[in-house]
Structures are given as structure tokens and as C-alpha cells.
PDB file of N, CA and C in Angstrom:
ATOM      1  N   MET A   1     -70.401  69.461  73.168  1.00  0.00           N
ATOM      2  CA  MET A   1     -70.275  70.623  73.536  1.00  0.00           C
ATOM      3  C   MET A   1     -69.717  71.583  73.455  1.00  0.00           C
ATOM      4  N   GLY A   2     -69.290  72.152  71.730  1.00  0.00           N
ATOM      5  CA  GLY A   2     -68.674  73.011  71.040  1.00  0.00           C
ATOM      6  C   GLY A   2     -67.327  72.813  70.942  1.00  0.00           C
ATOM      7  N   HIS A   3     -66.939  71.763  72.155  1.00  0.00           N
ATOM      8  CA  HIS A   3     -65.218  71.543  71.830  1.00  0.00           C
ATOM      9  C   HIS A   3     -64.746  70.690  70.760  1.00  0.00           C
ATOM     10  N   HIS A   4     -65.372  71.578  69.213  1.00  0.00           N
ATOM     11  CA  HIS A   4     -64.684  70.383  68.473  1.00  0.00           C
ATOM     12  C   HIS A   4     -63.418  70.137  68.287  1.00  0.00           C
ATOM     13  N   ASP A   5     -62.574  71.056  68.390  1.00  0.00           N
ATOM     14  CA  ASP A   5     -61.362  71.082  68.202  1.00  0.00           C
ATOM     15  C   ASP A   5     -60.653  70.236  68.929  1.00  0.00           C
ATOM     16  N   GLU A   6     -60.868  69.936  70.307  1.00  0.00           N
ATOM     17  CA  GLU A   6     -60.356  68.923  71.257  1.00  0.00           C
ATOM     18  C   GLU A   6     -61.262  67.881  70.878  1.00  0.00           C
ATOM     19  N   ALA A   7     -62.499  67.517  70.283  1.00  0.00           N
ATOM     20  CA  ALA A   7     -63.191  66.296  69.864  1.00  0.00           C
ATOM     21  C   ALA A   7     -62.725  65.812  68.814  1.00  0.00           C
ATOM     22  N   GLU A   8     -61.353  66.411  68.290  1.00  0.00           N
ATOM     23  CA  GLU A   8     -61.229  65.925  66.482  1.00  0.00           C
ATOM     24  C   GLU A   8     -59.674  65.337  67.126  1.00  0.00           C
ATOM     25  N   LEU A   9     -58.762  65.755  68.087  1.00  0.00           N
ATOM     26  CA  LEU A   9     -58.040  65.117  68.465  1.00  0.00           C
ATOM     27  C   LEU A   9     -57.796  63.972  69.582  1.00  0.00           C
ATOM     28  N   HIS A  10     -59.364  63.687  70.008  1.00  0.00           N
ATOM     29  CA  HIS A  10     -59.423  62.329  70.829  1.00  0.00           C
ATOM     30  C   HIS A  10     -60.059  61.374  69.274  1.00  0.00           C
ATOM     31  N   TYR A  11     -61.159  62.118  68.640  1.00  0.00           N
ATOM     32  CA  TYR A  11     -61.335  61.134  67.414  1.00  0.00           C
ATOM     33  C   TYR A  11     -60.276  60.841  66.461  1.00  0.00           C
ATOM     34  N   LYS A  12     -59.477  61.302  66.309  1.00  0.00           N
ATOM     35  CA  LYS A  12     -58.414  60.813  65.516  1.00  0.00           C
ATOM     36  C   LYS A  12     -57.297  59.800  66.287  1.00  0.00           C
ATOM     37  N   ALA A  13     -57.081  60.062  67.783  1.00  0.00           N
ATOM     38  CA  ALA A  13     -56.638  59.166  68.768  1.00  0.00           C
ATOM     39  C   ALA A  13     -57.104  57.753  68.797  1.00  0.00           C
ATOM     40  N   ALA A  14     -58.904  58.221  68.783  1.00  0.00           N
ATOM     41  CA  ALA A  14     -59.207  56.773  68.647  1.00  0.00           C
ATOM     42  C   ALA A  14     -59.368  55.658  67.517  1.00  0.00           C
ATOM     43  N   LEU A  15     -59.346  56.497  66.256  1.00  0.00           N
ATOM     44  CA  LEU A  15     -59.009  55.947  65.042  1.00  0.00           C
ATOM     45  C   LEU A  15     -58.074  55.224  64.986  1.00  0.00           C
ATOM     46  N   ASP A  16     -56.811  55.662  65.554  1.00  0.00           N
ATOM     47  CA  ASP A  16     -55.576  55.354  65.471  1.00  0.00           C
ATOM     48  C   ASP A  16     -55.529  54.250  66.150  1.00  0.00           C
ATOM     49  N   LEU A  17     -56.127  54.336  67.669  1.00  0.00           N
ATOM     50  CA  LEU A  17     -56.087  52.722  68.552  1.00  0.00           C
ATOM     51  C   LEU A  17     -56.937  51.772  67.961  1.00  0.00           C
ATOM     52  N   THR A  18     -58.192  52.298  67.042  1.00  0.00           N
ATOM     53  CA  THR A  18     -59.170  51.092  67.178  1.00  0.00           C
ATOM     54  C   THR A  18     -58.525  50.519  65.862  1.00  0.00           C
ATOM     55  N   GLU A  19     -58.087  51.142  64.664  1.00  0.00           N
ATOM     56  CA  GLU A  19     -57.063  50.534  63.623  1.00  0.00           C
ATOM     57  C   GLU A  19     -56.714  49.313  63.967  1.00  0.00           C
ATOM     58  N   ARG A  20     -55.504  49.988  64.978  1.00  0.00           N
ATOM     59  CA  ARG A  20     -53.860  49.330  65.268  1.00  0.00           C
ATOM     60  C   ARG A  20     -54.749  48.066  65.860  1.00  0.00           C
ATOM     61  N   MET A  21     -55.723  48.049  66.260  1.00  0.00           N
ATOM     62  CA  MET A  21     -56.283  46.681  67.241  1.00  0.00           C
ATOM     63  C   MET A  21     -57.081  46.448  66.375  1.00  0.00           C
ATOM     64  N   GLY A  22     -57.458  46.335  65.129  1.00  0.00           N
ATOM     65  CA  GLY A  22     -58.196  45.692  64.252  1.00  0.00           C
ATOM     66  C   GLY A  22     -59.377  45.555  64.609  1.00  0.00           C
ATOM     67  N   ALA A  23     -60.198  46.096  65.548  1.00  0.00           N
ATOM     68  CA  ALA A  23     -61.569  46.292  66.221  1.00  0.00           C
ATOM     69  C   ALA A  23     -62.555  46.987  64.732  1.00  0.00           C
ATOM     70  N   ARG A  24     -62.338  46.607  63.988  1.00  0.00           N
ATOM     71  CA  ARG A  24     -63.367  46.857  62.707  1.00  0.00           C
ATOM     72  C   ARG A  24     -65.031  47.037  62.778  1.00  0.00           C
ATOM     73  N   PRO A  25     -65.501  46.914  63.891  1.00  0.00           N
ATOM     74  CA  PRO A  25     -66.819  47.512  64.123  1.00  0.00           C
ATOM     75  C   PRO A  25     -66.787  48.708  65.091  1.00  0.00           C
ATOM     76  N   TRP A  26     -65.996  48.650  65.951  1.00  0.00           N
ATOM     77  CA  TRP A  26     -65.635  50.282  66.484  1.00  0.00           C
ATOM     78  C   TRP A  26     -64.969  51.017  65.375  1.00  0.00           C
ATOM     79  N   LEU A  27     -64.179  50.652  64.956  1.00  0.00           N
ATOM     80  CA  LEU A  27     -63.528  51.560  63.973  1.00  0.00           C
ATOM     81  C   LEU A  27     -64.575  52.386  63.193  1.00  0.00           C
ATOM     82  N   ALA A  28     -65.466  51.300  62.385  1.00  0.00           N
ATOM     83  CA  ALA A  28     -66.227  52.375  61.786  1.00  0.00           C
ATOM     84  C   ALA A  28     -67.678  52.667  62.505  1.00  0.00           C
ATOM     85  N   HIS A  29     -67.863  52.798  64.074  1.00  0.00           N
ATOM     86  CA  HIS A  29     -68.378  53.277  64.854  1.00  0.00           C
ATOM     87  C   HIS A  29     -67.515  54.751  64.842  1.00  0.00           C
ATOM     88  N   THR A  30     -66.493  54.620  65.273  1.00  0.00           N
ATOM     89  CA  THR A  30     -65.937  56.113  65.443  1.00  0.00           C
ATOM     90  C   THR A  30     -65.585  56.891  64.543  1.00  0.00           C
ATOM     91  N   LYS A  31     -65.404  56.359  63.408  1.00  0.00           N
ATOM     92  CA  LYS A  31     -65.518  57.260  62.084  1.00  0.00           C
ATOM     93  C   LYS A  31     -67.091  57.689  61.926  1.00  0.00           C
ATOM     94  N   GLU A  32     -68.358  57.361  61.982  1.00  0.00           N
ATOM     95  CA  GLU A  32     -69.385  58.016  61.437  1.00  0.00           C
ATOM     96  C   GLU A  32     -69.539  58.886  63.035  1.00  0.00           C
ATOM     97  N   ASP A  33     -69.039  58.928  64.292  1.00  0.00           N
ATOM     98  CA  ASP A  33     -69.162  59.654  65.034  1.00  0.00           C
ATOM     99  C   ASP A  33     -68.092  61.236  64.805  1.00  0.00           C
ATOM    100  N   PHE A  34     -67.438  60.834  64.610  1.00  0.00           N
ATOM    101  CA  PHE A  34     -65.870  61.748  63.892  1.00  0.00           C
ATOM    102  C   PHE A  34     -66.931  62.174  62.666  1.00  0.00           C
ATOM    103  N   ALA A  35     -67.543  61.757  61.998  1.00  0.00           N
ATOM    104  CA  ALA A  35     -68.057  62.606  60.936  1.00  0.00           C
ATOM    105  C   ALA A  35     -69.420  63.424  61.254  1.00  0.00           C
ATOM    106  N   ARG A  36     -69.928  62.985  62.164  1.00  0.00           N
ATOM    107  CA  ARG A  36     -71.094  63.572  62.637  1.00  0.00           C
ATOM    108  C   ARG A  36     -70.664  64.927  63.081  1.00  0.00           C
ATOM    109  N   MET A  37     -69.617  64.479  64.018  1.00  0.00           N
ATOM    110  CA  MET A  37     -69.054  65.925  64.712  1.00  0.00           C
ATOM    111  C   MET A  37     -68.909  66.703  63.633  1.00  0.00           C
ATOM    112  N   LEU A  38     -67.994  66.488  62.314  1.00  0.00           N
ATOM    113  CA  LEU A  38     -67.242  67.489  61.507  1.00  0.00           C
ATOM    114  C   LEU A  38     -68.456  68.221  60.699  1.00  0.00           C
ATOM    115  N   ILE A  39     -69.970  67.744  60.810  1.00  0.00           N
ATOM    116  CA  ILE A  39     -71.034  67.776  59.722  1.00  0.00           C
ATOM    117  C   ILE A  39     -71.301  68.966  60.921  1.00  0.00           C
ATOM    118  N   ASP A  40     -71.331  69.022  62.086  1.00  0.00           N
ATOM    119  CA  ASP A  40     -72.060  69.858  63.156  1.00  0.00           C
ATOM    120  C   ASP A  40     -71.230  71.182  63.645  1.00  0.00           C
ATOM    121  N   ARG A  41     -70.021  71.209  63.118  1.00  0.00           N
ATOM    122  CA  ARG A  41     -68.313  71.659  63.618  1.00  0.00           C
ATOM    123  C   ARG A  41     -69.223  72.599  62.128  1.00  0.00           C
ATOM    124  N   ASP A  42     -68.938  72.015  60.898  1.00  0.00           N
ATOM    125  CA  ASP A  42     -69.079  72.457  59.095  1.00  0.00           C
ATOM    126  C   ASP A  42     -67.869  73.702  59.317  1.00  0.00           C
ATOM    127  N   SER A  43     -66.971  73.741  59.461  1.00  0.00           N
ATOM    128  CA  SER A  43     -65.465  74.365  59.007  1.00  0.00           C
ATOM    129  C   SER A  43     -65.254  73.926  57.540  1.00  0.00           C
ATOM    130  N   PRO A  44     -64.689  75.082  56.946  1.00  0.00           N
ATOM    131  CA  PRO A  44     -63.938  74.368  55.470  1.00  0.00           C
ATOM    132  C   PRO A  44     -63.361  73.521  55.705  1.00  0.00           C
ATOM    133  N   GLY A  45     -63.640  73.038  54.995  1.00  0.00           N
ATOM    134  CA  GLY A  45     -63.299  70.844  54.014  1.00  0.00           C
ATOM    135  C   GLY A  45     -63.849  69.668  55.080  1.00  0.00           C
ATOM    136  N   ASP A  46     -64.647  70.438  56.387  1.00  0.00           N
ATOM    137  CA  ASP A  46     -65.274  69.289  57.071  1.00  0.00           C
ATOM    138  C   ASP A  46     -66.600  68.718  55.992  1.00  0.00           C
ATOM    139  N   SER A  47     -67.083  69.015  55.433  1.00  0.00           N
ATOM    140  CA  SER A  47     -68.248  68.438  54.876  1.00  0.00           C
ATOM    141  C   SER A  47     -67.112  67.017  53.937  1.00  0.00           C
ATOM    142  N   GLU A  48     -66.645  67.342  53.195  1.00  0.00           N
ATOM    143  CA  GLU A  48     -65.889  66.447  52.425  1.00  0.00           C
ATOM    144  C   GLU A  48     -65.078  65.222  53.536  1.00  0.00           C
ATOM    145  N   HIS A  49     -64.376  65.661  54.385  1.00  0.00           N
ATOM    146  CA  HIS A  49     -64.049  64.832  55.462  1.00  0.00           C
ATOM    147  C   HIS A  49     -64.822  63.575  56.190  1.00  0.00           C
ATOM    148  N   ALA A  50     -66.194  64.493  56.233  1.00  0.00           N
ATOM    149  CA  ALA A  50     -67.188  63.802  56.755  1.00  0.00           C
ATOM    150  C   ALA A  50     -67.608  62.898  55.977  1.00  0.00           C
ATOM    151  N   ARG A  51     -68.036  63.132  54.394  1.00  0.00           N
ATOM    152  CA  ARG A  51     -68.296  62.417  53.748  1.00  0.00           C
ATOM    153  C   ARG A  51     -67.280  60.791  53.520  1.00  0.00           C
ATOM    154  N   GLU A  52     -66.150  61.701  53.406  1.00  0.00           N
ATOM    155  CA  GLU A  52     -64.947  60.123  53.793  1.00  0.00           C
ATOM    156  C   GLU A  52     -65.448  59.087  54.376  1.00  0.00           C
ATOM    157  N   LEU A  53     -65.090  59.827  55.506  1.00  0.00           N
ATOM    158  CA  LEU A  53     -65.265  58.785  56.906  1.00  0.00           C
ATOM    159  C   LEU A  53     -66.684  58.353  57.098  1.00  0.00           C
ATOM    160  N   LEU A  54     -67.508  58.639  56.371  1.00  0.00           N
ATOM    161  CA  LEU A  54     -69.352  57.740  56.682  1.00  0.00           C
ATOM    162  C   LEU A  54     -68.783  56.985  55.485  1.00  0.00           C
ATOM    163  N   ASP A  55     -68.520  57.189  53.933  1.00  0.00           N
ATOM    164  CA  ASP A  55     -68.502  56.303  53.223  1.00  0.00           C
ATOM    165  C   ASP A  55     -67.763  54.992  53.885  1.00  0.00           C
ATOM    166  N   SER A  56     -66.773  55.064  54.419  1.00  0.00           N
ATOM    167  CA  SER A  56     -65.636  54.448  54.790  1.00  0.00           C
ATOM    168  C   SER A  56     -66.463  53.375  55.912  1.00  0.00           C
ATOM    169  N   ALA A  57     -67.413  53.782  56.797  1.00  0.00           N
ATOM    170  CA  ALA A  57     -67.682  53.217  57.682  1.00  0.00           C
ATOM    171  C   ALA A  57     -69.261  52.658  57.368  1.00  0.00           C
ATOM    172  N   LEU A  58     -69.178  53.040  56.356  1.00  0.00           N
ATOM    173  CA  LEU A  58     -70.811  51.916  55.747  1.00  0.00           C
ATOM    174  C   LEU A  58     -70.121  50.870  54.846  1.00  0.00           C
ATOM    175  N   ARG A  59     -69.151  51.122  54.326  1.00  0.00           N
ATOM    176  CA  ARG A  59     -68.602  50.014  53.470  1.00  0.00           C
ATOM    177  C   ARG A  59     -68.062  49.052  54.665  1.00  0.00           C
ATOM    178  N   THR A  60     -67.634  49.132  55.569  1.00  0.00           N
ATOM    179  CA  THR A  60     -67.158  48.105  56.619  1.00  0.00           C
ATOM    180  C   THR A  60     -68.542  48.173  57.828  1.00  0.00           C
ATOM    181  N   TYR A  61     -69.534  48.664  57.727  1.00  0.00           N
ATOM    182  CA  TYR A  61     -70.798  47.396  58.071  1.00  0.00           C
ATOM    183  C   TYR A  61     -71.297  47.194  57.351  1.00  0.00           C
ATOM    184  N   ARG A  62     -71.383  47.311  56.240  1.00  0.00           N
ATOM    185  CA  ARG A  62     -72.141  46.262  55.293  1.00  0.00           C
ATOM    186  C   ARG A  62     -71.034  45.118  55.441  1.00  0.00           C
ATOM    187  N   GLU A  63     -70.035  45.190  55.078  1.00  0.00           N
ATOM    188  CA  GLU A  63     -68.911  44.402  54.789  1.00  0.00           C
ATOM    189  C   GLU A  63     -69.030  43.261  56.156  1.00  0.00           C
ATOM    190  N   LEU A  64     -69.355  43.870  57.471  1.00  0.00           N
ATOM    191  CA  LEU A  64     -69.622  43.138  58.571  1.00  0.00           C
ATOM    192  C   LEU A  64     -70.703  42.890  58.576  1.00  0.00           C
ATOM    193  N   GLY A  65     -71.830  42.786  57.656  1.00  0.00           N
ATOM    194  CA  GLY A  65     -73.165  42.706  57.792  1.00  0.00           C
ATOM    195  C   GLY A  65     -74.147  43.100  58.843  1.00  0.00           C
ATOM    196  N   LEU A  66     -73.807  44.425  59.084  1.00  0.00           N
ATOM    197  CA  LEU A  66     -74.353  45.219  60.259  1.00  0.00           C
ATOM    198  C   LEU A  66     -75.185  46.332  59.517  1.00  0.00           C
ATOM    199  N   PRO A  67     -76.487  45.293  58.784  1.00  0.00           N
ATOM    200  CA  PRO A  67     -77.680  46.108  58.474  1.00  0.00           C
ATOM    201  C   PRO A  67     -77.990  47.661  58.772  1.00  0.00           C
ATOM    202  N   ALA A  68     -78.576  47.278  59.728  1.00  0.00           N
ATOM    203  CA  ALA A  68     -79.112  48.551  60.857  1.00  0.00           C
ATOM    204  C   ALA A  68     -78.290  49.593  61.010  1.00  0.00           C
ATOM    205  N   ARG A  69     -76.752  49.064  61.354  1.00  0.00           N
ATOM    206  CA  ARG A  69     -75.780  50.698  61.124  1.00  0.00           C
ATOM    207  C   ARG A  69     -75.575  50.985  59.864  1.00  0.00           C
ATOM    208  N   ALA A  70     -75.624  50.423  59.132  1.00  0.00           N
ATOM    209  CA  ALA A  70     -75.488  50.978  57.568  1.00  0.00           C
ATOM    210  C   ALA A  70     -76.556  51.938  56.985  1.00  0.00           C
ATOM    211  N   GLU A  71     -77.570  51.758  57.778  1.00  0.00           N
ATOM    212  CA  GLU A  71     -78.430  52.466  57.259  1.00  0.00           C
ATOM    213  C   GLU A  71     -78.884  53.239  57.815  1.00  0.00           C
ATOM    214  N   HIS A  72     -77.996  53.517  59.130  1.00  0.00           N
ATOM    215  CA  HIS A  72     -78.045  54.760  60.463  1.00  0.00           C
ATOM    216  C   HIS A  72     -76.961  55.661  59.365  1.00  0.00           C
ATOM    217  N   CYS A  73     -75.629  55.208  59.125  1.00  0.00           N
ATOM    218  CA  CYS A  73     -74.445  55.896  58.123  1.00  0.00           C
ATOM    219  C   CYS A  73     -75.157  56.058  57.222  1.00  0.00           C
ATOM    220  N   ALA A  74     -75.935  55.757  56.315  1.00  0.00           N
ATOM    221  CA  ALA A  74     -76.387  56.131  54.900  1.00  0.00           C
ATOM    222  C   ALA A  74     -77.423  57.170  55.424  1.00  0.00           C
ATOM    223  N   ASP A  75     -77.979  57.117  56.044  1.00  0.00           N
ATOM    224  CA  ASP A  75     -78.944  58.319  56.532  1.00  0.00           C
ATOM    225  C   ASP A  75     -77.981  59.619  56.529  1.00  0.00           C
ATOM    226  N   ALA A  76     -77.072  58.996  57.461  1.00  0.00           N
ATOM    227  CA  ALA A  76     -76.239  60.454  57.850  1.00  0.00           C
ATOM    228  C   ALA A  76     -75.644  61.151  56.492  1.00  0.00           C
ATOM    229  N   LEU A  77     -75.327  60.408  55.460  1.00  0.00           N
ATOM    230  CA  LEU A  77     -74.645  60.498  53.980  1.00  0.00           C
ATOM    231  C   LEU A  77     -75.591  61.557  53.740  1.00  0.00           C
ATOM    232  N   ILE A  78     -76.312  61.489  53.747  1.00  0.00           N
ATOM    233  CA  ILE A  78     -77.545  62.290  52.699  1.00  0.00           C
ATOM    234  C   ILE A  78     -77.967  63.764  52.859  1.00  0.00           C
ATOM    235  N   GLY A  79     -76.954  64.160  54.019  1.00  0.00           N
ATOM    236  CA  GLY A  79     -76.881  65.692  54.714  1.00  0.00           C
ATOM    237  C   GLY A  79     -75.332  65.957  54.447  1.00  0.00           C
ATOM    238  N   VAL A  80     -75.047  65.383  53.984  1.00  0.00           N
ATOM    239  CA  VAL A  80     -73.368  65.410  53.339  1.00  0.00           C
ATOM    240  C   VAL A  80     -73.092  66.404  52.138  1.00  0.00           C
TER     241      VAL A  80
END
């Protein structure tokens, strides 16, 4: 909705929470969603950060045996 800076704060809080909980699938989903927001915002440094988040999410999806999510995530990497 155009509130990228607010969204970034929420994503960072969600990353922290899901990491502390050990909720790996949700952590990967959050990283992917956060990356997509960064790609949409397109501020300096966003594409690099988005690529890091997507790379991490992709590794997690593959480790967890979630091929459909991994493919979806890999598709997002193509555009970064």
C-alpha cells in the first residue's frame, strides 16, 4: 500500500520473532515476503538485501523439502 518503511519495521520484527521461535517455514515465508516488498520499494541497497533474503529463504525451502515454495522463491530471484 505504499507504506514501505512501516512494512520494513514489521518485517524485521517478524523475522526476529520467527527466528527466536525456530519456526523455519514461517521464517522463510517472511524473508520471501520482505524481499518482495524491498523489490517493490526499490530504494538504494534494497535489491542486494532482497537477494540475500531470497537466497536464504530458498535454501530453507529446499532443506525443508518444499519444492513448490522453492520454485516460487527462485522465480523471484530472477528479477533481482
